[in-house]
Amino acid sequence: MNICVFLSAADLDDRYTIPAREFAELLGRGGHTLVWGGSESGLMKVVADGVQTAGGRLVGVSVDFLADKARRSADEMVIARDLAERKALLLEKADAVVIMVGGTGTLDEATEILELKKHGKHTKPVVLLNTAGFYDGLREQFQRMEDEGFLPVPLTDLVFFAKDGVGALAYLEESAGLQ
């Protein structure tokens, strides 16, 4: 399965890097392909290293103004013209999406993917990997949106919140009929 992972390119501490590495190794050992922003820095590098070391493939989609930070050892690397094209290509190349910890770029990617799903523009499973409770506040906000009538579809139809990589991968494989 081609699994798009949206995540930070920042250097982060062990409470985020250790679970990210564990998830990456699960992907690689499972024979999955990582589809990601292509960066050779921060958490993006941690995950790419883990997937590649465990035998998985790497498909990167960078953007022209970050091309100098793109991973040279990826199995495939595409350089998009801008962030909008990058997001479209990432979704196009993926069978499923996992949103890991990140900043405004990751949040932008997450909300766009969920908005497209809400409108039926894709039906791919989406998981928010809630490492160390990072997305507790977002989950509460999404729940409020649903409770107060802002979501035309149930929240559970849009996104699955996983507390760890094992739960995230199990949900994706079940959604794809691999279990």
Protein backbone atom coordinates (compact mmCIF):
# COMPACT_ATOMS: atom_id res chain seq x y z
CA MET A 1 0.00 0.00 0.00
CA ASN A 2 1.21 3.53 -0.77
CA ILE A 3 0.81 5.48 2.45
CA CYS A 4 1.12 9.26 2.34
CA VAL A 5 2.46 10.67 5.59
CA PHE A 6 2.16 14.37 6.33
CA LEU A 7 4.58 15.43 9.07
CA SER A 8 7.12 17.94 10.24
CA ALA A 9 10.55 18.53 8.79
CA ALA A 10 11.64 19.98 12.16
CA ASP A 11 14.13 18.33 14.47
CA LEU A 12 12.06 17.08 17.41
CA ASP A 13 12.71 15.34 20.71
CA ASP A 14 12.39 11.64 21.54
CA ARG A 15 8.70 11.75 22.50
CA TYR A 16 8.01 12.29 18.78
CA THR A 17 11.00 10.69 17.04
CA ILE A 18 10.85 7.31 18.80
CA PRO A 19 7.16 6.63 17.94
CA ALA A 20 7.76 7.97 14.41
CA ARG A 21 10.69 5.59 13.90
CA GLU A 22 8.63 2.67 15.23
CA PHE A 23 5.77 3.50 12.85
CA ALA A 24 8.20 3.84 9.93
CA GLU A 25 9.69 0.42 10.67
CA LEU A 26 6.18 -1.09 10.70
CA LEU A 27 5.54 0.42 7.27
CA GLY A 28 8.82 -0.86 5.85
CA ARG A 29 8.49 -4.37 7.31
CA GLY A 30 4.92 -4.50 6.00
CA GLY A 31 6.20 -3.88 2.46
CA HIS A 32 4.46 -0.52 2.22
CA THR A 33 5.64 2.53 0.31
CA LEU A 34 6.09 5.85 2.07
CA VAL A 35 4.75 8.77 0.06
CA TRP A 36 5.98 11.94 1.78
CA GLY A 37 7.21 15.48 1.32
CA GLY A 38 10.63 14.20 0.35
CA SER A 39 12.68 16.14 2.88
CA GLU A 40 16.01 14.91 4.20
CA SER A 41 15.59 16.79 7.48
CA GLY A 42 13.84 16.51 10.82
CA LEU A 43 11.04 14.07 11.44
CA MET A 44 10.64 13.54 7.68
CA LYS A 45 14.16 12.12 7.60
CA VAL A 46 13.53 9.95 10.67
CA VAL A 47 10.50 8.35 9.03
CA ALA A 48 12.15 7.95 5.62
CA ASP A 49 15.22 6.35 7.23
CA GLY A 50 13.02 3.93 9.18
CA VAL A 51 10.96 2.88 6.17
CA GLN A 52 13.99 2.46 3.92
CA THR A 53 16.02 0.55 6.50
CA ALA A 54 13.10 -1.84 7.07
CA GLY A 55 12.76 -2.58 3.36
CA GLY A 56 10.03 -0.18 2.24
CA ARG A 57 10.04 2.10 -0.77
CA LEU A 58 10.24 5.90 -0.72
CA VAL A 59 8.27 8.16 -3.04
CA GLY A 60 8.97 11.82 -2.36
CA VAL A 61 7.16 14.89 -3.59
CA SER A 62 9.15 18.01 -2.84
CA VAL A 63 8.55 21.54 -4.04
CA ASP A 64 10.90 23.70 -6.09
CA PHE A 65 11.88 26.05 -3.25
CA LEU A 66 12.81 23.06 -1.06
CA ALA A 67 14.42 20.91 -3.75
CA ASP A 68 17.88 21.36 -2.21
CA LYS A 69 16.59 19.51 0.90
CA ALA A 70 15.12 16.58 -1.06
CA ARG A 71 16.34 13.07 -0.26
CA ARG A 72 18.68 11.87 -2.97
CA SER A 73 18.28 8.17 -2.13
CA ALA A 74 14.49 8.06 -2.58
CA ASP A 75 13.19 5.44 -5.01
CA GLU A 76 11.26 8.20 -6.76
CA MET A 77 11.35 11.97 -6.30
CA VAL A 78 9.05 14.48 -7.96
CA ILE A 79 9.57 18.23 -7.69
CA ALA A 80 6.28 20.14 -7.73
CA ARG A 81 5.95 23.78 -8.82
CA ASP A 82 4.20 24.89 -5.64
CA LEU A 83 2.58 23.64 -2.44
CA ALA A 84 -0.84 23.18 -4.05
CA GLU A 85 0.59 20.90 -6.74
CA ARG A 86 2.60 19.07 -4.09
CA LYS A 87 -0.51 18.27 -2.02
CA ALA A 88 -2.39 17.11 -5.13
CA LEU A 89 0.49 14.82 -6.17
CA LEU A 90 0.88 13.38 -2.67
CA LEU A 91 -2.80 12.48 -2.55
CA GLU A 92 -2.76 11.13 -6.11
CA LYS A 93 0.15 8.78 -5.36
CA ALA A 94 -1.36 7.48 -2.09
CA ASP A 95 -3.82 4.76 -1.17
CA ALA A 96 -4.17 6.12 2.36
CA VAL A 97 -3.09 9.13 4.44
CA VAL A 98 -1.50 9.39 7.89
CA ILE A 99 -1.12 12.76 9.55
CA MET A 100 1.68 12.84 12.10
CA VAL A 101 2.86 15.70 14.29
CA GLY A 102 3.69 18.92 12.52
CA GLY A 103 3.26 22.65 12.24
CA THR A 104 1.17 24.89 10.03
CA GLY A 105 2.14 23.08 6.83
CA THR A 106 1.01 19.74 8.24
CA LEU A 107 -2.20 21.31 9.54
CA ASP A 108 -2.85 22.83 6.10
CA GLU A 109 -2.35 19.44 4.46
CA ALA A 110 -4.58 17.70 7.00
CA THR A 111 -7.48 20.10 6.65
CA GLU A 112 -7.33 20.08 2.86
CA ILE A 113 -7.31 16.28 2.73
CA LEU A 114 -10.28 16.14 5.11
CA GLU A 115 -12.16 18.82 3.17
CA LEU A 116 -11.67 16.91 -0.07
CA LYS A 117 -12.88 13.73 1.61
CA LYS A 118 -15.91 15.52 3.08
CA HIS A 119 -16.90 16.57 -0.45
CA GLY A 120 -16.36 13.09 -1.91
CA LYS A 121 -13.26 14.02 -3.92
CA HIS A 122 -11.50 10.97 -2.48
CA THR A 123 -12.43 8.02 -0.28
CA LYS A 124 -8.98 7.13 1.01
CA PRO A 125 -8.69 6.31 4.70
CA VAL A 126 -7.22 9.14 6.77
CA VAL A 127 -5.57 8.62 10.16
CA LEU A 128 -4.47 11.28 12.62
CA LEU A 129 -1.62 9.71 14.55
CA ASN A 130 -2.04 11.34 17.95
CA THR A 131 1.47 10.86 19.31
CA ALA A 132 1.85 12.07 22.92
CA GLY A 133 -1.65 13.59 22.72
CA PHE A 134 -0.44 16.13 20.15
CA TYR A 135 -3.83 16.30 18.42
CA ASP A 136 -6.08 16.17 21.50
CA GLY A 137 -7.11 19.80 20.99
CA LEU A 138 -7.81 19.27 17.29
CA ARG A 139 -9.86 16.19 18.06
CA GLU A 140 -11.90 18.21 20.56
CA GLN A 141 -12.42 20.94 17.94
CA PHE A 142 -13.51 18.41 15.29
CA GLN A 143 -15.92 16.87 17.78
CA ARG A 144 -17.38 20.31 18.48
CA MET A 145 -17.76 20.91 14.74
CA GLU A 146 -19.69 17.66 14.45
CA ASP A 147 -21.80 18.27 17.57
CA GLU A 148 -22.78 21.76 16.45
CA GLY A 149 -23.68 20.78 12.88
CA PHE A 150 -20.65 22.03 10.94
CA LEU A 151 -19.80 18.61 9.49
CA PRO A 152 -22.26 17.18 6.96
CA VAL A 153 -20.81 13.68 7.48
CA PRO A 154 -19.91 11.90 10.71
CA LEU A 155 -16.42 12.63 11.98
CA THR A 156 -15.71 8.88 12.04
CA ASP A 157 -16.29 8.81 8.26
CA LEU A 158 -13.63 11.48 7.76
CA VAL A 159 -10.78 10.51 10.06
CA PHE A 160 -9.60 7.84 12.48
CA PHE A 161 -7.63 8.96 15.53
CA ALA A 162 -4.89 6.48 16.45
CA LYS A 163 -2.85 6.71 19.62
CA ASP A 164 0.07 4.77 18.15
CA GLY A 165 1.54 3.45 14.94
CA VAL A 166 0.31 -0.09 15.50
CA GLY A 167 -3.28 1.16 15.70
CA ALA A 168 -2.82 3.43 12.70
CA LEU A 169 -1.42 0.69 10.47
CA ALA A 170 -4.02 -1.85 11.63
CA TYR A 171 -6.80 0.59 10.70
CA LEU A 172 -5.27 1.26 7.26
CA GLU A 173 -4.73 -2.41 6.48
CA GLU A 174 -8.26 -3.25 7.62
CA SER A 175 -9.65 -0.42 5.47
CA ALA A 176 -7.74 -1.81 2.49
CA GLY A 177 -8.88 -5.37 3.17
CA LEU A 178 -5.35 -6.55 3.98
CA GLN A 179 -6.23 -8.15 7.33
